[in-house]
Amino acid sequence: MPDAFSGVRFASIPSLPSASDNANKILEKGGLLYYSNGAQWLRLQTTELIGNLFTNAKPYTFIYKNAPIGTTDLGGPATGKRWRVFYAMATNTTASATARLRHKISGTYYGWKSATTMNNGTTSASALVQGIDSFPILEAGEQIAFTVTGGAMCLFVSIIEYDVPADGSGLKSVKLLSLNTGDNTLYTCPSGYRTRVWVSTHELNADSTYAGSVYYRNESGASVTVYPNLVASGGSPGAIGAGSNAAIAAASAVANNGQVNQSIPPYMEAGDYVSFNVTATSVNHRAFLTLSEIKIL
């Protein structure tokens, strides 16, 4: 069990039952992990197409009863581990209140979505986090946190803990926590690897052909126009069709306290890179993408 806060317990996982009764759960059967999207079970294991997603994977659910008003650190991965936040839910048991899942990095709390307002006796899940597209994978030293206002709540967070490969590859998130006006290099595929960029939980399976995406959150205080470029090795960012690059998504105006997912092609070769263009410089807007680095043998 990972180190976290007092009161955490492991939520037992049943034998593989119907998918509809177990939406957003991960189960293990025959040494393989499966995820239910509510309609079917999807395999989350190794293939040549997507690389080794999880090694020595263990699913956990953290439960915190009567989380107090304020920000509470819930814990994070140990050295050599990563945490994939799969699902988060809050249940309001008192007065009208707000809940927000936070990402603590080097002592600073970052949000990838706005706080959710909840009335007494209500439950919120999708607005907190539900899928890989709305919360980065945590590295050692980073933590999950919850911020609660207005009244105590019950909090639930489901994760997968898994090993980091010796070369640091595998399933991970790359992020920029501040962005400058113009083009910002978000990720470059390293030599000797191919990269598969993901968009959401239900696409982590061997049959996935979906595009990847870049996730952007704006807390700069004003609307910001953004777009990603997938740039071929040796190229430079620019307009659609210019040189050896392409603006993958149309420019989006993102309001303050808003976010957007912008699609990019799912596969990258060594030297290819993702650049993210914004129209304002601020330490209060950020971007990430989640990917698998696959070593070429």
C-alpha atoms as a PDB file:
ATOM      1  CA  MET A   1       0.000   0.000   0.000  1.00  0.00           C
ATOM      2  CA  PRO A   2       1.514   3.395  -0.897  1.00  0.00           C
ATOM      3  CA  ASP A   3       2.226   5.902   1.846  1.00  0.00           C
ATOM      4  CA  ALA A   4      -0.518   8.530   1.995  1.00  0.00           C
ATOM      5  CA  PHE A   5      -2.751  10.060   4.641  1.00  0.00           C
ATOM      6  CA  SER A   6      -4.260   8.649   7.803  1.00  0.00           C
ATOM      7  CA  GLY A   7      -7.536   6.844   7.225  1.00  0.00           C
ATOM      8  CA  VAL A   8      -6.701   5.424   3.787  1.00  0.00           C
ATOM      9  CA  ARG A   9      -7.737   1.856   3.139  1.00  0.00           C
ATOM     10  CA  PHE A  10      -7.527  -0.489   0.184  1.00  0.00           C
ATOM     11  CA  ALA A  11     -10.826  -0.967  -1.618  1.00  0.00           C
ATOM     12  CA  SER A  12     -11.231  -4.649  -2.467  1.00  0.00           C
ATOM     13  CA  ILE A  13     -11.658  -5.505  -6.158  1.00  0.00           C
ATOM     14  CA  PRO A  14     -14.193  -8.276  -6.928  1.00  0.00           C
ATOM     15  CA  SER A  15     -13.920 -11.025  -9.530  1.00  0.00           C
ATOM     16  CA  LEU A  16     -14.521  -9.813 -13.080  1.00  0.00           C
ATOM     17  CA  PRO A  17     -18.305  -9.123 -13.200  1.00  0.00           C
ATOM     18  CA  SER A  18     -20.461  -7.214 -15.682  1.00  0.00           C
ATOM     19  CA  ALA A  19     -18.907  -4.068 -17.124  1.00  0.00           C
ATOM     20  CA  SER A  20     -22.100  -2.028 -16.708  1.00  0.00           C
ATOM     21  CA  ASP A  21     -22.128  -2.584 -12.960  1.00  0.00           C
ATOM     22  CA  ASN A  22     -18.461  -1.613 -12.607  1.00  0.00           C
ATOM     23  CA  ALA A  23     -17.962   1.511 -14.710  1.00  0.00           C
ATOM     24  CA  ASN A  24     -14.561   3.217 -14.268  1.00  0.00           C
ATOM     25  CA  LYS A  25     -13.062   0.293 -12.359  1.00  0.00           C
ATOM     26  CA  ILE A  26      -9.863  -1.635 -13.019  1.00  0.00           C
ATOM     27  CA  LEU A  27      -9.796  -5.361 -12.333  1.00  0.00           C
ATOM     28  CA  GLU A  28      -7.107  -8.024 -12.659  1.00  0.00           C
ATOM     29  CA  LYS A  29      -7.719 -11.433 -14.213  1.00  0.00           C
ATOM     30  CA  GLY A  30      -5.106 -13.970 -15.237  1.00  0.00           C
ATOM     31  CA  GLY A  31      -2.292 -11.511 -14.585  1.00  0.00           C
ATOM     32  CA  LEU A  32      -3.823  -8.843 -16.848  1.00  0.00           C
ATOM     33  CA  LEU A  33      -5.510  -5.560 -15.951  1.00  0.00           C
ATOM     34  CA  TYR A  34      -8.897  -4.598 -17.372  1.00  0.00           C
ATOM     35  CA  TYR A  35     -10.808  -1.296 -17.302  1.00  0.00           C
ATOM     36  CA  SER A  36     -14.591  -0.990 -17.547  1.00  0.00           C
ATOM     37  CA  ASN A  37     -15.909   2.011 -19.473  1.00  0.00           C
ATOM     38  CA  GLY A  38     -19.445   1.016 -18.446  1.00  0.00           C
ATOM     39  CA  ALA A  39     -20.124  -0.863 -21.665  1.00  0.00           C
ATOM     40  CA  GLN A  40     -17.225  -3.300 -21.941  1.00  0.00           C
ATOM     41  CA  TRP A  41     -13.959  -4.411 -20.342  1.00  0.00           C
ATOM     42  CA  LEU A  42     -10.804  -3.124 -22.103  1.00  0.00           C
ATOM     43  CA  ARG A  43      -7.385  -4.707 -21.672  1.00  0.00           C
ATOM     44  CA  LEU A  44      -4.634  -2.424 -20.352  1.00  0.00           C
ATOM     45  CA  GLN A  45      -1.582  -4.574 -20.963  1.00  0.00           C
ATOM     46  CA  THR A  46       1.496  -4.758 -23.153  1.00  0.00           C
ATOM     47  CA  THR A  47       1.349  -4.936 -26.945  1.00  0.00           C
ATOM     48  CA  GLU A  48       3.900  -4.078 -29.644  1.00  0.00           C
ATOM     49  CA  LEU A  49       1.537  -1.309 -30.760  1.00  0.00           C
ATOM     50  CA  ILE A  50       1.311   0.630 -27.506  1.00  0.00           C
ATOM     51  CA  GLY A  51       4.355  -0.486 -25.541  1.00  0.00           C
ATOM     52  CA  ASN A  52       4.542  -1.596 -21.935  1.00  0.00           C
ATOM     53  CA  LEU A  53       1.901   0.463 -20.147  1.00  0.00           C
ATOM     54  CA  PHE A  54       2.074  -1.001 -16.645  1.00  0.00           C
ATOM     55  CA  THR A  55       4.777  -3.069 -14.959  1.00  0.00           C
ATOM     56  CA  ASN A  56       4.076  -4.500 -11.503  1.00  0.00           C
ATOM     57  CA  ALA A  57       0.777  -2.583 -11.500  1.00  0.00           C
ATOM     58  CA  LYS A  58      -1.382  -2.370  -8.383  1.00  0.00           C
ATOM     59  CA  PRO A  59      -4.772  -0.601  -8.215  1.00  0.00           C
ATOM     60  CA  TYR A  60      -5.779   1.272  -5.058  1.00  0.00           C
ATOM     61  CA  THR A  61      -8.651   3.411  -3.887  1.00  0.00           C
ATOM     62  CA  PHE A  62      -8.049   6.044  -1.215  1.00  0.00           C
ATOM     63  CA  ILE A  63     -11.009   6.868   1.024  1.00  0.00           C
ATOM     64  CA  TYR A  64     -11.012   9.925   3.272  1.00  0.00           C
ATOM     65  CA  LYS A  65     -14.060  10.356   5.484  1.00  0.00           C
ATOM     66  CA  ASN A  66     -15.003  13.889   6.567  1.00  0.00           C
ATOM     67  CA  ALA A  67     -12.123  15.669   4.838  1.00  0.00           C
ATOM     68  CA  PRO A  68     -11.809  19.072   6.540  1.00  0.00           C
ATOM     69  CA  ILE A  69     -12.133  22.517   4.964  1.00  0.00           C
ATOM     70  CA  GLY A  70      -8.857  23.525   3.333  1.00  0.00           C
ATOM     71  CA  THR A  71      -6.283  21.653   1.275  1.00  0.00           C
ATOM     72  CA  THR A  72      -5.312  18.105   2.267  1.00  0.00           C
ATOM     73  CA  ASP A  73      -2.358  16.249   0.748  1.00  0.00           C
ATOM     74  CA  LEU A  74      -3.356  12.686  -0.126  1.00  0.00           C
ATOM     75  CA  GLY A  75       0.072  11.291  -0.985  1.00  0.00           C
ATOM     76  CA  GLY A  76       2.074  10.387  -4.060  1.00  0.00           C
ATOM     77  CA  PRO A  77       4.346   7.770  -5.618  1.00  0.00           C
ATOM     78  CA  ALA A  78       7.598   6.624  -4.043  1.00  0.00           C
ATOM     79  CA  THR A  79      10.931   6.643  -5.872  1.00  0.00           C
ATOM     80  CA  GLY A  80      10.804   4.287  -8.847  1.00  0.00           C
ATOM     81  CA  LYS A  81       6.984   4.440  -9.064  1.00  0.00           C
ATOM     82  CA  ARG A  82       4.345   6.390 -10.968  1.00  0.00           C
ATOM     83  CA  TRP A  83       0.695   6.980 -10.087  1.00  0.00           C
ATOM     84  CA  ARG A  84      -1.984   7.102 -12.718  1.00  0.00           C
ATOM     85  CA  VAL A  85      -5.045   8.889 -11.318  1.00  0.00           C
ATOM     86  CA  PHE A  86      -8.007   7.031 -12.732  1.00  0.00           C
ATOM     87  CA  TYR A  87     -11.022   8.452 -10.987  1.00  0.00           C
ATOM     88  CA  ALA A  88     -11.875  10.935  -8.242  1.00  0.00           C
ATOM     89  CA  MET A  89     -15.172  11.539  -6.485  1.00  0.00           C
ATOM     90  CA  ALA A  90     -16.399  13.748  -3.671  1.00  0.00           C
ATOM     91  CA  THR A  91     -19.606  13.344  -1.640  1.00  0.00           C
ATOM     92  CA  ASN A  92     -20.917  16.365   0.213  1.00  0.00           C
ATOM     93  CA  THR A  93     -22.351  15.463   3.611  1.00  0.00           C
ATOM     94  CA  THR A  94     -22.885  18.931   5.104  1.00  0.00           C
ATOM     95  CA  ALA A  95     -23.734  22.357   3.668  1.00  0.00           C
ATOM     96  CA  SER A  96     -23.162  23.709   0.168  1.00  0.00           C
ATOM     97  CA  ALA A  97     -19.450  23.337  -0.568  1.00  0.00           C
ATOM     98  CA  THR A  98     -16.819  23.081  -3.316  1.00  0.00           C
ATOM     99  CA  ALA A  99     -14.287  20.353  -4.071  1.00  0.00           C
ATOM    100  CA  ARG A 100     -11.222  20.422  -6.297  1.00  0.00           C
ATOM    101  CA  LEU A 101      -8.550  17.838  -7.056  1.00  0.00           C
ATOM    102  CA  ARG A 102      -5.087  19.441  -7.007  1.00  0.00           C
ATOM    103  CA  HIS A 103      -1.631  18.451  -8.226  1.00  0.00           C
ATOM    104  CA  LYS A 104       1.181  19.344  -5.809  1.00  0.00           C
ATOM    105  CA  ILE A 105       4.572  19.820  -7.461  1.00  0.00           C
ATOM    106  CA  SER A 106       7.599  21.231  -5.597  1.00  0.00           C
ATOM    107  CA  GLY A 107       5.326  22.700  -2.912  1.00  0.00           C
ATOM    108  CA  THR A 108       2.935  24.455  -5.341  1.00  0.00           C
ATOM    109  CA  TYR A 109      -0.676  23.353  -5.835  1.00  0.00           C
ATOM    110  CA  TYR A 110      -1.848  23.260  -9.457  1.00  0.00           C
ATOM    111  CA  GLY A 111      -5.380  22.690 -10.709  1.00  0.00           C
ATOM    112  CA  TRP A 112      -6.289  21.093 -14.012  1.00  0.00           C
ATOM    113  CA  LYS A 113     -10.020  21.795 -13.641  1.00  0.00           C
ATOM    114  CA  SER A 114     -12.079  24.354 -11.720  1.00  0.00           C
ATOM    115  CA  ALA A 115     -13.612  23.651  -8.323  1.00  0.00           C
ATOM    116  CA  THR A 116     -16.982  21.886  -8.378  1.00  0.00           C
ATOM    117  CA  THR A 117     -19.850  23.374  -6.360  1.00  0.00           C
ATOM    118  CA  MET A 118     -21.954  20.737  -4.610  1.00  0.00           C
ATOM    119  CA  ASN A 119     -25.133  20.966  -2.570  1.00  0.00           C
ATOM    120  CA  ASN A 120     -25.694  18.944   0.588  1.00  0.00           C
ATOM    121  CA  GLY A 121     -26.151  15.242  -0.135  1.00  0.00           C
ATOM    122  CA  THR A 122     -24.794  15.370  -3.699  1.00  0.00           C
ATOM    123  CA  THR A 123     -21.943  13.496  -5.375  1.00  0.00           C
ATOM    124  CA  SER A 124     -19.591  14.736  -8.091  1.00  0.00           C
ATOM    125  CA  ALA A 125     -17.205  12.591 -10.126  1.00  0.00           C
ATOM    126  CA  SER A 126     -16.760  13.648 -13.757  1.00  0.00           C
ATOM    127  CA  ALA A 127     -16.082  17.296 -12.906  1.00  0.00           C
ATOM    128  CA  LEU A 128     -13.174  16.295 -10.646  1.00  0.00           C
ATOM    129  CA  VAL A 129     -11.308  13.818 -12.820  1.00  0.00           C
ATOM    130  CA  GLN A 130     -12.491  10.912 -14.923  1.00  0.00           C
ATOM    131  CA  GLY A 131      -9.941   9.673 -17.410  1.00  0.00           C
ATOM    132  CA  ILE A 132      -6.350  10.220 -18.396  1.00  0.00           C
ATOM    133  CA  ASP A 133      -7.069  13.401 -20.355  1.00  0.00           C
ATOM    134  CA  SER A 134      -7.768  15.601 -17.335  1.00  0.00           C
ATOM    135  CA  PHE A 135      -4.983  14.827 -14.837  1.00  0.00           C
ATOM    136  CA  PRO A 136      -1.290  14.076 -15.433  1.00  0.00           C
ATOM    137  CA  ILE A 137       0.446  10.905 -14.298  1.00  0.00           C
ATOM    138  CA  LEU A 138       2.344  11.606 -11.084  1.00  0.00           C
ATOM    139  CA  GLU A 139       6.105  11.155 -10.727  1.00  0.00           C
ATOM    140  CA  ALA A 140       7.954  10.528  -7.471  1.00  0.00           C
ATOM    141  CA  GLY A 141       7.882  13.650  -5.289  1.00  0.00           C
ATOM    142  CA  GLU A 142       4.528  14.836  -6.657  1.00  0.00           C
ATOM    143  CA  GLN A 143       1.272  14.470  -4.723  1.00  0.00           C
ATOM    144  CA  ILE A 144      -2.494  14.390  -5.122  1.00  0.00           C
ATOM    145  CA  ALA A 145      -4.360  16.914  -2.976  1.00  0.00           C
ATOM    146  CA  PHE A 146      -7.978  17.940  -2.411  1.00  0.00           C
ATOM    147  CA  THR A 147      -9.167  21.466  -1.666  1.00  0.00           C
ATOM    148  CA  VAL A 148     -12.528  21.693   0.121  1.00  0.00           C
ATOM    149  CA  THR A 149     -14.504  24.830   1.005  1.00  0.00           C
ATOM    150  CA  GLY A 150     -17.803  25.312   2.803  1.00  0.00           C
ATOM    151  CA  GLY A 151     -18.043  21.993   4.644  1.00  0.00           C
ATOM    152  CA  ALA A 152     -16.446  18.610   5.233  1.00  0.00           C
ATOM    153  CA  MET A 153     -16.699  15.960   2.493  1.00  0.00           C
ATOM    154  CA  CYS A 154     -15.990  12.298   1.838  1.00  0.00           C
ATOM    155  CA  LEU A 155     -13.281  11.895  -0.805  1.00  0.00           C
ATOM    156  CA  PHE A 156     -12.436   8.918  -3.024  1.00  0.00           C
ATOM    157  CA  VAL A 157      -9.470   8.655  -5.420  1.00  0.00           C
ATOM    158  CA  SER A 158      -8.621   5.565  -7.502  1.00  0.00           C
ATOM    159  CA  ILE A 159      -5.115   5.101  -8.885  1.00  0.00           C
ATOM    160  CA  ILE A 160      -2.811   2.570 -10.500  1.00  0.00           C
ATOM    161  CA  GLU A 161       0.688   2.428  -9.026  1.00  0.00           C
ATOM    162  CA  TYR A 162       3.320   0.932 -11.333  1.00  0.00           C
ATOM    163  CA  ASP A 163       7.086   0.722 -11.825  1.00  0.00           C
ATOM    164  CA  VAL A 164       9.139   3.270 -13.773  1.00  0.00           C
ATOM    165  CA  PRO A 165      11.366   1.489 -16.334  1.00  0.00           C
ATOM    166  CA  ALA A 166      15.111   1.809 -15.743  1.00  0.00           C
ATOM    167  CA  ASP A 167      15.444   4.116 -18.764  1.00  0.00           C
ATOM    168  CA  GLY A 168      12.583   6.355 -17.562  1.00  0.00           C
ATOM    169  CA  SER A 169      10.351   5.511 -20.543  1.00  0.00           C
ATOM    170  CA  GLY A 170       6.954   3.830 -20.449  1.00  0.00           C
ATOM    171  CA  LEU A 171       3.593   5.449 -19.717  1.00  0.00           C
ATOM    172  CA  LYS A 172       4.029   8.978 -18.342  1.00  0.00           C
ATOM    173  CA  SER A 173       2.956  12.609 -18.651  1.00  0.00           C
ATOM    174  CA  VAL A 174       5.087  15.535 -19.759  1.00  0.00           C
ATOM    175  CA  LYS A 175       4.037  19.014 -18.737  1.00  0.00           C
ATOM    176  CA  LEU A 176       4.859  22.712 -18.865  1.00  0.00           C
ATOM    177  CA  LEU A 177       3.680  24.543 -15.742  1.00  0.00           C
ATOM    178  CA  SER A 178       4.153  28.015 -17.258  1.00  0.00           C
ATOM    179  CA  LEU A 179       3.987  29.110 -20.884  1.00  0.00           C
ATOM    180  CA  ASN A 180       5.516  32.016 -22.829  1.00  0.00           C
ATOM    181  CA  THR A 181       3.937  33.915 -25.703  1.00  0.00           C
ATOM    182  CA  GLY A 182       4.595  32.065 -28.947  1.00  0.00           C
ATOM    183  CA  ASP A 183       5.812  28.501 -29.415  1.00  0.00           C
ATOM    184  CA  ASN A 184       6.660  26.332 -26.399  1.00  0.00           C
ATOM    185  CA  THR A 185       8.293  22.911 -26.877  1.00  0.00           C
ATOM    186  CA  LEU A 186       6.280  20.464 -24.795  1.00  0.00           C
ATOM    187  CA  TYR A 187       7.862  17.129 -25.750  1.00  0.00           C
ATOM    188  CA  THR A 188      10.481  15.625 -28.077  1.00  0.00           C
ATOM    189  CA  CYS A 189      10.578  11.917 -28.951  1.00  0.00           C
ATOM    190  CA  PRO A 190      14.030  10.642 -27.909  1.00  0.00           C
ATOM    191  CA  SER A 191      16.451   8.765 -30.136  1.00  0.00           C
ATOM    192  CA  GLY A 192      15.871   5.009 -30.160  1.00  0.00           C
ATOM    193  CA  TYR A 193      12.161   5.285 -29.320  1.00  0.00           C
ATOM    194  CA  ARG A 194       8.746   5.719 -30.831  1.00  0.00           C
ATOM    195  CA  THR A 195       6.037   7.535 -28.913  1.00  0.00           C
ATOM    196  CA  ARG A 196       2.326   6.856 -28.651  1.00  0.00           C
ATOM    197  CA  VAL A 197       0.346   9.894 -27.427  1.00  0.00           C
ATOM    198  CA  TRP A 198      -2.892   9.138 -25.550  1.00  0.00           C
ATOM    199  CA  VAL A 199      -6.089  11.062 -25.010  1.00  0.00           C
ATOM    200  CA  SER A 200      -8.291   9.249 -22.482  1.00  0.00           C
ATOM    201  CA  THR A 201      -8.639   6.177 -20.321  1.00  0.00           C
ATOM    202  CA  HIS A 202     -10.884   4.111 -22.587  1.00  0.00           C
ATOM    203  CA  GLU A 203      -8.273   4.308 -25.354  1.00  0.00           C
ATOM    204  CA  LEU A 204      -5.539   2.537 -23.362  1.00  0.00           C
ATOM    205  CA  ASN A 205      -6.050  -0.756 -25.156  1.00  0.00           C
ATOM    206  CA  ALA A 206      -4.414  -2.768 -27.887  1.00  0.00           C
ATOM    207  CA  ASP A 207      -7.027  -1.938 -30.526  1.00  0.00           C
ATOM    208  CA  SER A 208      -6.882   1.825 -30.057  1.00  0.00           C
ATOM    209  CA  THR A 209      -6.540   3.937 -33.215  1.00  0.00           C
ATOM    210  CA  TYR A 210      -7.645   7.236 -31.681  1.00  0.00           C
ATOM    211  CA  ALA A 211      -5.638  10.444 -31.924  1.00  0.00           C
ATOM    212  CA  GLY A 212      -3.687  11.779 -28.999  1.00  0.00           C
ATOM    213  CA  SER A 213      -4.259  15.161 -27.419  1.00  0.00           C
ATOM    214  CA  VAL A 214      -2.646  18.084 -25.617  1.00  0.00           C
ATOM    215  CA  TYR A 215      -4.501  19.263 -22.510  1.00  0.00           C
ATOM    216  CA  TYR A 216      -4.374  22.982 -21.656  1.00  0.00           C
ATOM    217  CA  ARG A 217      -5.614  24.826 -18.557  1.00  0.00           C
ATOM    218  CA  ASN A 218      -5.904  28.633 -18.435  1.00  0.00           C
ATOM    219  CA  GLU A 219      -5.756  30.504 -15.124  1.00  0.00           C
ATOM    220  CA  SER A 220      -3.927  33.556 -16.505  1.00  0.00           C
ATOM    221  CA  GLY A 221      -6.737  36.008 -15.776  1.00  0.00           C
ATOM    222  CA  ALA A 222      -7.764  36.544 -19.412  1.00  0.00           C
ATOM    223  CA  SER A 223      -8.746  34.621 -22.536  1.00  0.00           C
ATOM    224  CA  VAL A 224      -5.808  32.981 -24.346  1.00  0.00           C
ATOM    225  CA  THR A 225      -5.721  31.600 -27.896  1.00  0.00           C
ATOM    226  CA  VAL A 226      -3.807  28.324 -28.202  1.00  0.00           C
ATOM    227  CA  TYR A 227      -2.961  25.583 -30.717  1.00  0.00           C
ATOM    228  CA  PRO A 228      -0.507  22.649 -30.905  1.00  0.00           C
ATOM    229  CA  ASN A 229       1.997  21.817 -33.652  1.00  0.00           C
ATOM    230  CA  LEU A 230       3.364  18.337 -34.292  1.00  0.00           C
ATOM    231  CA  VAL A 231       6.734  19.116 -35.854  1.00  0.00           C
ATOM    232  CA  ALA A 232       8.806  16.646 -37.868  1.00  0.00           C
ATOM    233  CA  SER A 233      12.431  16.143 -36.832  1.00  0.00           C
ATOM    234  CA  GLY A 234      14.484  19.115 -38.034  1.00  0.00           C
ATOM    235  CA  GLY A 235      11.418  21.277 -38.684  1.00  0.00           C
ATOM    236  CA  SER A 236      10.080  24.328 -36.889  1.00  0.00           C
ATOM    237  CA  PRO A 237       6.568  25.353 -35.779  1.00  0.00           C
ATOM    238  CA  GLY A 238       4.470  27.545 -37.990  1.00  0.00           C
ATOM    239  CA  ALA A 239       1.255  27.825 -39.951  1.00  0.00           C
ATOM    240  CA  ILE A 240      -0.561  24.814 -41.403  1.00  0.00           C
ATOM    241  CA  GLY A 241       1.372  23.336 -44.321  1.00  0.00           C
ATOM    242  CA  ALA A 242       4.471  25.485 -43.774  1.00  0.00           C
ATOM    243  CA  GLY A 243       7.725  23.526 -44.136  1.00  0.00           C
ATOM    244  CA  SER A 244       7.871  20.205 -42.297  1.00  0.00           C
ATOM    245  CA  ASN A 245       5.325  20.940 -39.599  1.00  0.00           C
ATOM    246  CA  ALA A 246       1.549  21.160 -39.212  1.00  0.00           C
ATOM    247  CA  ALA A 247      -0.809  22.996 -36.898  1.00  0.00           C
ATOM    248  CA  ILE A 248      -2.803  19.938 -35.869  1.00  0.00           C
ATOM    249  CA  ALA A 249      -5.826  21.654 -34.307  1.00  0.00           C
ATOM    250  CA  ALA A 250      -7.505  24.927 -35.182  1.00  0.00           C
ATOM    251  CA  ALA A 251      -6.678  27.753 -32.780  1.00  0.00           C
ATOM    252  CA  SER A 252      -8.978  27.826 -29.734  1.00  0.00           C
ATOM    253  CA  ALA A 253      -9.785  30.824 -27.549  1.00  0.00           C
ATOM    254  CA  VAL A 254      -9.816  29.506 -23.983  1.00  0.00           C
ATOM    255  CA  ALA A 255     -11.503  31.664 -21.350  1.00  0.00           C
ATOM    256  CA  ASN A 256      -9.918  32.295 -17.969  1.00  0.00           C
ATOM    257  CA  ASN A 257     -10.481  29.274 -15.689  1.00  0.00           C
ATOM    258  CA  GLY A 258     -11.198  27.134 -18.736  1.00  0.00           C
ATOM    259  CA  GLN A 259      -9.471  24.201 -20.379  1.00  0.00           C
ATOM    260  CA  VAL A 260      -9.331  22.473 -23.753  1.00  0.00           C
ATOM    261  CA  ASN A 261      -8.171  19.158 -25.236  1.00  0.00           C
ATOM    262  CA  GLN A 262      -6.653  19.561 -28.709  1.00  0.00           C
ATOM    263  CA  SER A 263      -6.020  16.530 -30.914  1.00  0.00           C
ATOM    264  CA  ILE A 264      -2.676  15.536 -32.403  1.00  0.00           C
ATOM    265  CA  PRO A 265      -1.692  12.386 -34.357  1.00  0.00           C
ATOM    266  CA  PRO A 266      -1.017   9.461 -32.015  1.00  0.00           C
ATOM    267  CA  TYR A 267       2.457   8.336 -33.168  1.00  0.00           C
ATOM    268  CA  MET A 268       5.817  10.102 -33.208  1.00  0.00           C
ATOM    269  CA  GLU A 269       9.288   9.082 -34.400  1.00  0.00           C
ATOM    270  CA  ALA A 270      12.663  10.051 -32.926  1.00  0.00           C
ATOM    271  CA  GLY A 271      13.249  13.792 -33.186  1.00  0.00           C
ATOM    272  CA  ASP A 272       9.608  14.681 -33.788  1.00  0.00           C
ATOM    273  CA  TYR A 273       8.282  17.133 -31.223  1.00  0.00           C
ATOM    274  CA  VAL A 274       5.109  18.749 -29.949  1.00  0.00           C
ATOM    275  CA  SER A 275       5.083  22.536 -29.759  1.00  0.00           C
ATOM    276  CA  PHE A 276       2.272  24.483 -28.073  1.00  0.00           C
ATOM    277  CA  ASN A 277       1.515  28.057 -29.144  1.00  0.00           C
ATOM    278  CA  VAL A 278      -0.143  30.588 -26.803  1.00  0.00           C
ATOM    279  CA  THR A 279      -0.878  34.305 -27.155  1.00  0.00           C
ATOM    280  CA  ALA A 280       0.088  35.300 -23.593  1.00  0.00           C
ATOM    281  CA  THR A 281       2.944  34.743 -21.136  1.00  0.00           C
ATOM    282  CA  SER A 282       1.871  33.601 -17.673  1.00  0.00           C
ATOM    283  CA  VAL A 283       2.900  31.320 -14.822  1.00  0.00           C
ATOM    284  CA  ASN A 284      -0.819  30.629 -14.366  1.00  0.00           C
ATOM    285  CA  HIS A 285      -1.534  28.553 -17.425  1.00  0.00           C
ATOM    286  CA  ARG A 286      -0.145  25.117 -18.206  1.00  0.00           C
ATOM    287  CA  ALA A 287      -0.250  22.174 -20.603  1.00  0.00           C
ATOM    288  CA  PHE A 288       0.482  18.452 -20.576  1.00  0.00           C
ATOM    289  CA  LEU A 289       0.216  15.328 -22.684  1.00  0.00           C
ATOM    290  CA  THR A 290       0.251  11.667 -21.664  1.00  0.00           C
ATOM    291  CA  LEU A 291       2.268   9.217 -23.733  1.00  0.00           C
ATOM    292  CA  SER A 292       4.047   5.871 -23.958  1.00  0.00           C
ATOM    293  CA  GLU A 293       7.684   5.798 -25.021  1.00  0.00           C
ATOM    294  CA  ILE A 294       8.365   2.506 -26.811  1.00  0.00           C
ATOM    295  CA  LYS A 295      11.989   1.390 -27.179  1.00  0.00           C
ATOM    296  CA  ILE A 296      12.969   0.259 -30.693  1.00  0.00           C
ATOM    297  CA  LEU A 297      14.782  -3.073 -30.405  1.00  0.00           C
END
